[in-house]
Structures are given as C-alpha cells and as structure tokens.
C-alpha cells in the first residue's frame, strides 16, 4: 500500500490522503514492435472497491482533488520504487489539478528526475475546467513532460476536447479497437482518426488490444503505440 504521511504537504491534505487505502499496478504501453516498452501507465487499485466506486464516492463528497493529488504522489513513489526508466503515464481529472503549493512540493520531492518522464492522461470525465487545465498544461510543459487524451471515442473525450488540450498523444478507446480486423466501419473510422491526428503531429495509442488480429490490423494503419492484454496485463 502507498503511504503519504512522510510527505511535506499541508496537514489537512495529509490527513485526507491517510484515509485512502490504495495500491498501484502498472500496464506497459508498447512501441509498434510489440516488445519495446515506451511507458508504464499507473493504475490505482483501491482496497475493497473498484476505481469507479472510489471516484463516485469522492465526487459525491466533493473531494475529487484528494484523488488527483494521490495519483501523482502515489504513482510516482511506486514508479521509482520499481526502478523503471521508461516514461510514466499518470491519470488526471480534467476538472482538477494540484494546487500551486502541492505542485511545488511534488517538484521539490521528486526533483529533476521527473523532467521529460511524465505523460499526463486527461481522463474521460464529464466536467472539464479550462482554468485547471491551463495551470496543468503550464506545469507539464515547464518540465518538458507530455499530455495525452484518454479513452477517445467513448463518448466524452472528442475532437473538441482534443482541440482544447492539443495533446501529444490520443488514446483510442477499446470501443473503437475491438474486432477492428473484421468490422469495416471501425476500420474506416480509425483510419480517418489516425490520419487526422498524424496530420496534427499527435501520436496515436491503441488501448485495449486483446487479440493478435487487432494488433496486426492496427499496425497496418500506422498506429504508433499499443496497450492491452494481448501484449501485457497490469501488474
């Protein structure tokens, strides 16, 4: 389990973090060869409930900010404990960001080792704050880190959201990927998206790749990066 009590954070936020009982697992994101790990996505695993149940609980309590802070500090601690050298992808709520003092503690605590290592994934979440996003974008770019749009095509993260965020990566949702090797409509849709994003200098990640046939077809479309049970499960 990840602990936060040693961090030089405000007393109130430390107390709130102390009430969280979470672990982290990591799922690789692979280069097009299907073997070289480009990054590890940190996935929160709360004890006794699902991630969505935890998010719903904290949303109802108006304490989503606690999960935002926990994601950054907890995932990064576990990442360094595991000794990874590849980039780390951390999930972030588009309605929230760390406060200035929290971001300063984060930078001071982890230092220059985080420069150029982080990919901040903007989750599919119904609330989007331009103010919080601008602050997040500023801090991300200042440390030479990268932005990603998660779960594109699942309903909320759409082309308008991509225009606002101007990400380095777009992750195509499993809904677009499943069965693409034999479903013409999905083939046309994903090909159009890959071409559209590549024309804007955005790298495309296929998530939820579960079959060899899906991987092979996506490779032919020029998808840049891959994630899913066919290649590796979270661990």
Foldseek 3Di string as FASTA:
>chain_A
DFADCVAPDDPVLNVVLRPFAKAWWWFFKFFLVLPHGQEIEIDIDGPPDGPVVVCVVCVVVVNNQSVQLCQLVRRVVVCVVVPDDHAYETEHEQQAHDDPVSLVSSCVVVDLSNQQRYEYEHEQDQDHDLVRLVVVVVSCVVSNHFYEYEQEPPPRPYPVVCVSNVGQEYEHHVVLQPPCLPDVVSVVVVLVVCVVQVVSNHAYEYEADDDPSSSVSVVVSVHTIYTHVNSPDID
